């Protein structure tokens, strides 16, 4: 029904025009202020091609200091639209913001293929996605959107392969993020350094993961990564265990702890019936953090390695991340470019 057909019998033409203008202006303002997910691309020097990104923009105007930003990563065989289409993240964010459980934030969801969020161009892998997401992506977001540019306004999280990626990027550059969260992260412990090739990677089974000390006592062993085919050449062909270890979460964590670097706040969650047994890696990382006196939030929840679990888990992750964002009036920028220092002897990626 048109605006004119409603009010024409009651108002003169001039008032009708003015009324329609106000109605359209209000409608346009309301539409502009509603939350949205924008599909776009950013130029990536590291990849030498555009990087596809989905960006959640909250309703309303950004505060003077800008919105805080969460970089949210997808899993293996996934893509940048997964969190929007399969995870329902827009509705979840809208609901949590509307009920004031969290403050408005921008959520950036990049496409990383099956890159494992490492730089792999030198060994014929998918490309230098670590650099693309650590450097190119935040530079583009901070130039184009009214977002925070400080560590205390940035966080990173992801599911499965993205959980691994979020942890390793946060441990690689702890100066970038105030918080990191892993949902069912694809985490495995380091391998023996002389291992190479698919034949030497024997996935951990129950028989060699658990060890019975006595009839009443069982302890866990080392959780090895699956076969090299799982990584698609990211760590070299044949699989290079030294390269895997150098890029692995446990190695990066150890280096930062040795250097006494301040780590981001850490949140780990995993399903109790994860069909990939990824609770093993989560527990191993939790034990490592606890042994070194690092505060960590750890949750084992009911569910499998599935979106039915992650759609629920992301709510607590968002609340956790929001609680770590610190309001600031400063607009000083933490460098996102390649000139920023590396920390605690970050790995050479065996290049």
Protein backbone atom coordinates (compact mmCIF):
# COMPACT_ATOMS: atom_id res chain seq x y z
CA UNK A 1 0.00 0.00 0.00
CA UNK A 2 1.39 3.42 -0.95
CA UNK A 3 1.92 6.25 1.48
CA UNK A 4 -0.39 8.48 -0.59
CA UNK A 5 -3.30 6.06 -0.53
CA UNK A 6 -3.29 6.04 3.29
CA UNK A 7 -3.21 9.75 4.04
CA UNK A 8 -4.64 11.41 0.89
CA UNK A 9 -8.20 11.78 2.21
CA UNK A 10 -7.00 13.62 5.31
CA UNK A 11 -4.16 15.93 4.20
CA UNK A 12 -3.46 18.43 1.43
CA UNK A 13 -1.00 17.53 -1.31
CA UNK A 14 1.92 19.42 0.29
CA UNK A 15 1.41 17.55 3.55
CA UNK A 16 1.12 14.29 1.66
CA UNK A 17 4.49 14.85 -0.02
CA UNK A 18 6.12 15.82 3.27
CA UNK A 19 4.61 12.81 5.03
CA UNK A 20 5.83 10.42 2.35
CA UNK A 21 9.30 11.94 2.51
CA UNK A 22 9.45 11.48 6.26
CA UNK A 23 8.17 7.91 5.96
CA UNK A 24 10.77 7.03 3.32
CA UNK A 25 13.54 8.72 5.27
CA UNK A 26 12.60 6.82 8.42
CA UNK A 27 12.39 3.56 6.47
CA UNK A 28 15.80 4.16 4.89
CA UNK A 29 17.35 5.03 8.25
CA UNK A 30 15.88 1.93 9.85
CA UNK A 31 17.18 -0.23 7.01
CA UNK A 32 20.64 1.33 7.19
CA UNK A 33 20.83 0.79 10.95
CA UNK A 34 19.79 -2.88 10.93
CA UNK A 35 22.56 -5.44 11.28
CA UNK A 36 23.88 -6.87 8.05
CA UNK A 37 26.35 -9.40 6.70
CA UNK A 38 28.34 -8.00 3.80
CA UNK A 39 30.02 -10.31 1.31
CA UNK A 40 33.08 -8.65 -0.15
CA UNK A 41 36.72 -9.14 -1.14
CA UNK A 42 39.93 -7.51 0.04
CA UNK A 43 43.19 -7.26 -1.84
CA UNK A 44 45.83 -9.58 -0.40
CA UNK A 45 49.46 -9.01 -1.28
CA UNK A 46 50.37 -12.25 0.47
CA UNK A 47 48.01 -14.32 -1.70
CA UNK A 48 48.47 -12.19 -4.83
CA UNK A 49 44.71 -12.34 -5.33
CA UNK A 50 41.54 -11.11 -3.61
CA UNK A 51 40.47 -12.71 -0.34
CA UNK A 52 36.73 -13.37 0.08
CA UNK A 53 35.27 -12.16 3.36
CA UNK A 54 31.88 -12.00 5.07
CA UNK A 55 31.53 -9.14 7.56
CA UNK A 56 28.84 -8.78 10.22
CA UNK A 57 28.03 -5.13 10.90
CA UNK A 58 25.93 -4.40 13.99
CA UNK A 59 22.93 -2.12 14.08
CA UNK A 60 23.43 1.59 14.69
CA UNK A 61 26.45 3.83 14.66
CA UNK A 62 29.91 2.91 15.87
CA UNK A 63 31.10 4.46 19.14
CA UNK A 64 33.74 7.20 18.92
CA UNK A 65 36.52 4.69 19.54
CA UNK A 66 35.12 2.29 16.92
CA UNK A 67 33.58 -1.16 17.20
CA UNK A 68 35.66 -4.02 18.57
CA UNK A 69 36.42 -6.77 16.03
CA UNK A 70 36.25 -10.55 16.19
CA UNK A 71 37.97 -12.51 13.42
CA UNK A 72 35.99 -15.76 13.11
CA UNK A 73 37.54 -18.65 11.18
CA UNK A 74 35.94 -21.62 9.38
CA UNK A 75 36.89 -25.29 9.42
CA UNK A 76 38.33 -27.82 6.97
CA UNK A 77 36.43 -28.05 3.66
CA UNK A 78 34.48 -24.97 4.73
CA UNK A 79 34.27 -21.38 3.55
CA UNK A 80 33.73 -17.79 4.56
CA UNK A 81 29.92 -18.09 4.49
CA UNK A 82 29.75 -21.06 6.87
CA UNK A 83 29.23 -19.12 10.06
CA UNK A 84 26.43 -17.12 8.43
CA UNK A 85 24.58 -19.91 6.65
CA UNK A 86 25.27 -22.95 8.85
CA UNK A 87 26.09 -21.26 12.13
CA UNK A 88 23.32 -18.63 12.17
CA UNK A 89 25.80 -16.19 13.65
CA UNK A 90 23.90 -13.05 12.60
CA UNK A 91 20.78 -14.01 14.55
CA UNK A 92 22.91 -15.06 17.52
CA UNK A 93 24.79 -11.76 17.54
CA UNK A 94 21.57 -9.76 17.13
CA UNK A 95 19.95 -11.58 20.04
CA UNK A 96 22.92 -11.27 22.38
CA UNK A 97 23.31 -7.57 21.56
CA UNK A 98 19.56 -6.88 21.91
CA UNK A 99 19.50 -8.51 25.36
CA UNK A 100 22.71 -6.67 26.30
CA UNK A 101 24.63 -9.85 27.02
CA UNK A 102 27.31 -8.47 24.70
CA UNK A 103 28.09 -5.09 23.21
CA UNK A 104 27.95 -4.49 19.45
CA UNK A 105 30.97 -5.79 17.56
CA UNK A 106 32.08 -6.35 13.99
CA UNK A 107 32.71 -9.99 13.06
CA UNK A 108 35.04 -10.69 10.13
CA UNK A 109 34.85 -14.14 8.51
CA UNK A 110 37.57 -14.74 5.88
CA UNK A 111 37.84 -17.60 3.38
CA UNK A 112 41.00 -19.64 3.91
CA UNK A 113 40.31 -22.81 1.94
CA UNK A 114 42.11 -25.82 3.44
CA UNK A 115 45.16 -23.75 4.30
CA UNK A 116 45.38 -24.59 8.01
CA UNK A 117 46.03 -20.86 8.39
CA UNK A 118 49.75 -21.20 7.71
CA UNK A 119 52.06 -19.79 5.03
CA UNK A 120 52.60 -22.60 2.53
CA UNK A 121 53.37 -21.06 -0.87
CA UNK A 122 57.05 -21.99 -0.51
CA UNK A 123 56.19 -25.71 -0.40
CA UNK A 124 53.47 -25.65 -3.06
CA UNK A 125 50.57 -25.36 -0.61
CA UNK A 126 47.39 -23.26 -0.93
CA UNK A 127 49.19 -19.98 -0.24
CA UNK A 128 50.42 -17.65 2.49
CA UNK A 129 47.21 -17.46 4.49
CA UNK A 130 48.90 -16.73 7.81
CA UNK A 131 50.26 -13.47 6.44
CA UNK A 132 47.01 -12.71 4.62
CA UNK A 133 44.98 -12.95 7.82
CA UNK A 134 47.55 -11.46 10.19
CA UNK A 135 48.51 -8.53 7.95
CA UNK A 136 46.39 -7.92 4.84
CA UNK A 137 42.96 -8.56 6.35
CA UNK A 138 43.15 -6.29 9.43
CA UNK A 139 44.75 -3.52 7.37
CA UNK A 140 41.81 -3.58 4.95
CA UNK A 141 39.16 -3.83 7.66
CA UNK A 142 40.66 -1.00 9.69
CA UNK A 143 40.85 1.24 6.63
CA UNK A 144 37.28 0.62 5.47
CA UNK A 145 35.25 0.20 8.68
CA UNK A 146 34.91 2.20 11.91
CA UNK A 147 36.60 -0.41 14.08
CA UNK A 148 39.08 -0.45 16.92
CA UNK A 149 42.76 -0.61 16.03
CA UNK A 150 44.16 -1.70 19.38
CA UNK A 151 44.92 -5.12 20.82
CA UNK A 152 42.20 -4.68 23.46
CA UNK A 153 39.63 -4.30 20.69
CA UNK A 154 40.61 -7.36 18.62
CA UNK A 155 39.91 -11.06 19.18
CA UNK A 156 40.10 -14.23 17.10
CA UNK A 157 38.18 -17.51 17.22
CA UNK A 158 37.39 -20.47 15.00
CA UNK A 159 36.02 -23.99 14.75
CA UNK A 160 37.95 -27.21 14.01
CA UNK A 161 40.74 -26.24 11.57
CA UNK A 162 39.79 -22.64 12.39
CA UNK A 163 40.20 -23.34 16.10
CA UNK A 164 43.74 -24.50 15.38
CA UNK A 165 44.26 -21.43 13.20
CA UNK A 166 42.91 -19.02 15.80
CA UNK A 167 45.16 -20.44 18.50
CA UNK A 168 48.31 -20.51 16.39
CA UNK A 169 47.79 -16.96 15.06
CA UNK A 170 47.10 -15.66 18.58
CA UNK A 171 50.16 -17.46 19.96
CA UNK A 172 52.26 -16.36 16.99
CA UNK A 173 51.32 -12.70 17.49
CA UNK A 174 49.92 -12.24 21.01
CA UNK A 175 50.30 -8.47 20.58
CA UNK A 176 47.41 -8.50 18.11
CA UNK A 177 44.56 -10.04 20.13
CA UNK A 178 43.14 -9.63 23.61
CA UNK A 179 41.30 -12.97 23.41
CA UNK A 180 41.31 -16.23 21.48
CA UNK A 181 38.73 -19.02 21.42
CA UNK A 182 38.85 -22.51 19.91
CA UNK A 183 35.66 -24.48 19.23
CA UNK A 184 36.45 -28.18 18.70
CA UNK A 185 39.91 -27.13 17.60
CA UNK A 186 41.89 -29.53 15.37
CA UNK A 187 44.77 -29.67 17.84
CA UNK A 188 47.46 -32.35 17.98
CA UNK A 189 50.70 -32.53 19.88
CA UNK A 190 54.13 -32.28 18.26
CA UNK A 191 55.64 -35.23 16.42
CA UNK A 192 59.07 -36.79 16.62
CA UNK A 193 61.29 -34.52 14.55
CA UNK A 194 62.66 -37.35 12.39
CA UNK A 195 59.19 -38.31 11.15
CA UNK A 196 58.38 -37.61 7.50
CA UNK A 197 55.93 -38.94 4.97
CA UNK A 198 52.40 -40.25 5.35
CA UNK A 199 53.50 -43.76 6.29
CA UNK A 200 55.15 -42.55 9.49
CA UNK A 201 52.06 -40.74 10.79
CA UNK A 202 49.97 -43.35 12.52
CA UNK A 203 46.77 -41.78 13.89
CA UNK A 204 46.43 -42.23 17.62
CA UNK A 205 44.09 -45.05 18.61
CA UNK A 206 42.53 -45.84 21.96
CA UNK A 207 45.00 -48.66 22.44
CA UNK A 208 48.05 -46.41 22.34
CA UNK A 209 46.49 -43.19 23.66
CA UNK A 210 45.40 -44.71 26.95
CA UNK A 211 47.83 -46.52 29.21
CA UNK A 212 46.79 -48.54 32.23
CA UNK A 213 49.10 -47.95 35.16
CA UNK A 214 47.27 -50.37 37.42
CA UNK A 215 43.81 -51.99 37.37
CA UNK A 216 42.24 -48.78 38.69
CA UNK A 217 44.40 -46.11 36.99
CA UNK A 218 44.58 -45.02 33.36
CA UNK A 219 46.72 -42.17 32.01
CA UNK A 220 46.72 -40.59 28.57
CA UNK A 221 49.56 -40.53 26.08
CA UNK A 222 50.57 -38.35 23.13
CA UNK A 223 47.89 -37.38 20.61
CA UNK A 224 49.53 -37.59 17.17
CA UNK A 225 48.11 -35.86 14.08
CA UNK A 226 46.27 -37.90 11.45
CA UNK A 227 47.80 -38.98 8.13
CA UNK A 228 49.56 -36.43 5.95
CA UNK A 229 46.69 -36.45 3.46
CA UNK A 230 44.62 -34.63 6.07
CA UNK A 231 46.80 -31.53 5.57
CA UNK A 232 46.81 -31.46 1.76
CA UNK A 233 50.46 -30.56 1.31
CA UNK A 234 50.33 -27.54 3.63
CA UNK A 235 53.33 -28.89 5.52
CA UNK A 236 55.14 -30.11 2.43
CA UNK A 237 55.06 -33.16 0.16
CA UNK A 238 56.01 -35.50 1.63
CA UNK A 239 54.76 -34.34 5.01
CA UNK A 240 57.52 -32.54 6.91
CA UNK A 241 57.18 -33.16 10.64
CA UNK A 242 59.67 -30.41 11.47
CA UNK A 243 57.60 -27.91 9.55
CA UNK A 244 54.44 -29.11 11.30
CA UNK A 245 56.09 -28.85 14.72
CA UNK A 246 57.47 -25.37 14.02
CA UNK A 247 54.01 -24.06 13.14
CA UNK A 248 52.14 -26.01 15.80
CA UNK A 249 50.17 -24.49 18.66
CA UNK A 250 52.27 -26.17 21.36
CA UNK A 251 55.56 -24.88 19.93
CA UNK A 252 54.34 -21.30 19.60
CA UNK A 253 52.88 -21.39 23.10
CA UNK A 254 56.15 -22.69 24.59
CA UNK A 255 58.16 -19.91 22.93
CA UNK A 256 55.90 -17.17 24.22
CA UNK A 257 55.86 -18.61 27.73
CA UNK A 258 59.65 -18.85 27.73
CA UNK A 259 59.86 -15.20 26.68
CA UNK A 260 57.36 -14.11 29.34
CA UNK A 261 55.02 -12.58 26.77
CA UNK A 262 51.49 -11.62 27.82
CA UNK A 263 49.10 -14.07 26.16
CA UNK A 264 45.55 -13.31 25.05
CA UNK A 265 42.73 -14.60 27.25
CA UNK A 266 42.11 -18.22 26.18
CA UNK A 267 38.84 -20.14 25.82
CA UNK A 268 38.70 -23.81 24.77
CA UNK A 269 35.53 -25.78 24.14
CA UNK A 270 34.97 -29.22 22.63
CA UNK A 271 32.22 -31.83 22.39
CA UNK A 272 32.33 -34.82 24.72
CA UNK A 273 31.52 -37.14 21.80
CA UNK A 274 33.65 -35.48 19.11
CA UNK A 275 33.83 -38.05 16.33
CA UNK A 276 37.40 -36.97 15.51
CA UNK A 277 38.49 -37.39 19.14
CA UNK A 278 39.54 -33.75 19.22
CA UNK A 279 38.84 -33.65 22.94
CA UNK A 280 42.28 -35.27 23.24
CA UNK A 281 44.11 -32.27 21.84
CA UNK A 282 41.93 -29.86 23.80
CA UNK A 283 42.72 -31.68 27.04
CA UNK A 284 46.44 -31.82 26.18
CA UNK A 285 46.50 -28.07 25.56
CA UNK A 286 44.50 -27.40 28.72
CA UNK A 287 46.92 -29.51 30.76
CA UNK A 288 49.89 -27.71 29.20
CA UNK A 289 48.44 -24.31 30.03
CA UNK A 290 47.59 -25.34 33.57
CA UNK A 291 51.05 -26.83 34.10
CA UNK A 292 52.57 -23.48 33.12
CA UNK A 293 50.18 -21.51 35.32
CA UNK A 294 48.27 -19.93 32.43
CA UNK A 295 44.65 -19.04 33.12
CA UNK A 296 42.28 -20.70 30.64
CA UNK A 297 38.53 -21.21 30.36
CA UNK A 298 37.89 -24.84 29.37
CA UNK A 299 34.53 -26.40 28.54
CA UNK A 300 33.59 -29.94 27.54
CA UNK A 301 30.00 -29.84 26.34
CA UNK A 302 27.53 -32.42 25.12
CA UNK A 303 27.80 -33.03 21.39
CA UNK A 304 29.70 -34.21 18.34
CA UNK A 305 31.88 -32.42 15.80
CA UNK A 306 28.87 -30.68 14.28
CA UNK A 307 27.09 -27.38 13.73
CA UNK A 308 24.41 -28.37 16.22
CA UNK A 309 27.12 -27.98 18.87
CA UNK A 310 28.89 -24.91 17.44
CA UNK A 311 25.66 -22.93 17.06
CA UNK A 312 25.29 -23.22 20.84
CA UNK A 313 28.95 -22.91 21.79
CA UNK A 314 29.41 -19.68 19.86
CA UNK A 315 27.08 -17.90 22.29
CA UNK A 316 29.43 -18.48 25.23
CA UNK A 317 32.41 -17.67 23.04
CA UNK A 318 30.91 -14.31 22.10
CA UNK A 319 30.16 -13.52 25.75
CA UNK A 320 33.73 -14.48 26.67
CA UNK A 321 35.24 -12.35 23.90
CA UNK A 322 33.06 -9.36 24.76
CA UNK A 323 34.15 -9.54 28.40
CA UNK A 324 37.77 -9.16 27.27
CA UNK A 325 37.20 -6.13 25.07
CA UNK A 326 38.30 -2.99 26.90
CA UNK A 327 36.66 0.35 26.17
CA UNK A 328 39.18 2.99 25.19
CA UNK A 329 39.14 6.54 23.87
CA UNK A 330 42.50 6.13 22.17
CA UNK A 331 42.73 5.63 18.42
CA UNK A 332 46.38 4.56 18.42
CA UNK A 333 46.98 1.68 16.05
CA UNK A 334 48.84 -1.52 16.76
CA UNK A 335 50.84 -2.11 13.61
CA UNK A 336 49.24 -4.61 11.24
CA UNK A 337 51.98 -4.41 8.63
CA UNK A 338 55.06 -6.56 8.11
CA UNK A 339 57.28 -4.13 10.03
CA UNK A 340 55.71 -5.21 13.35
CA UNK A 341 58.14 -7.25 15.47
CA UNK A 342 58.04 -11.01 15.67
CA UNK A 343 57.76 -12.46 19.12
CA UNK A 344 59.75 -15.03 21.07
CA UNK A 345 61.62 -16.45 18.10
CA UNK A 346 58.52 -17.19 16.04
CA UNK A 347 58.97 -20.17 13.79
CA UNK A 348 60.82 -19.94 10.51
CA UNK A 349 58.31 -22.37 8.99
CA UNK A 350 61.35 -24.40 7.96
CA UNK A 351 61.77 -22.20 4.88
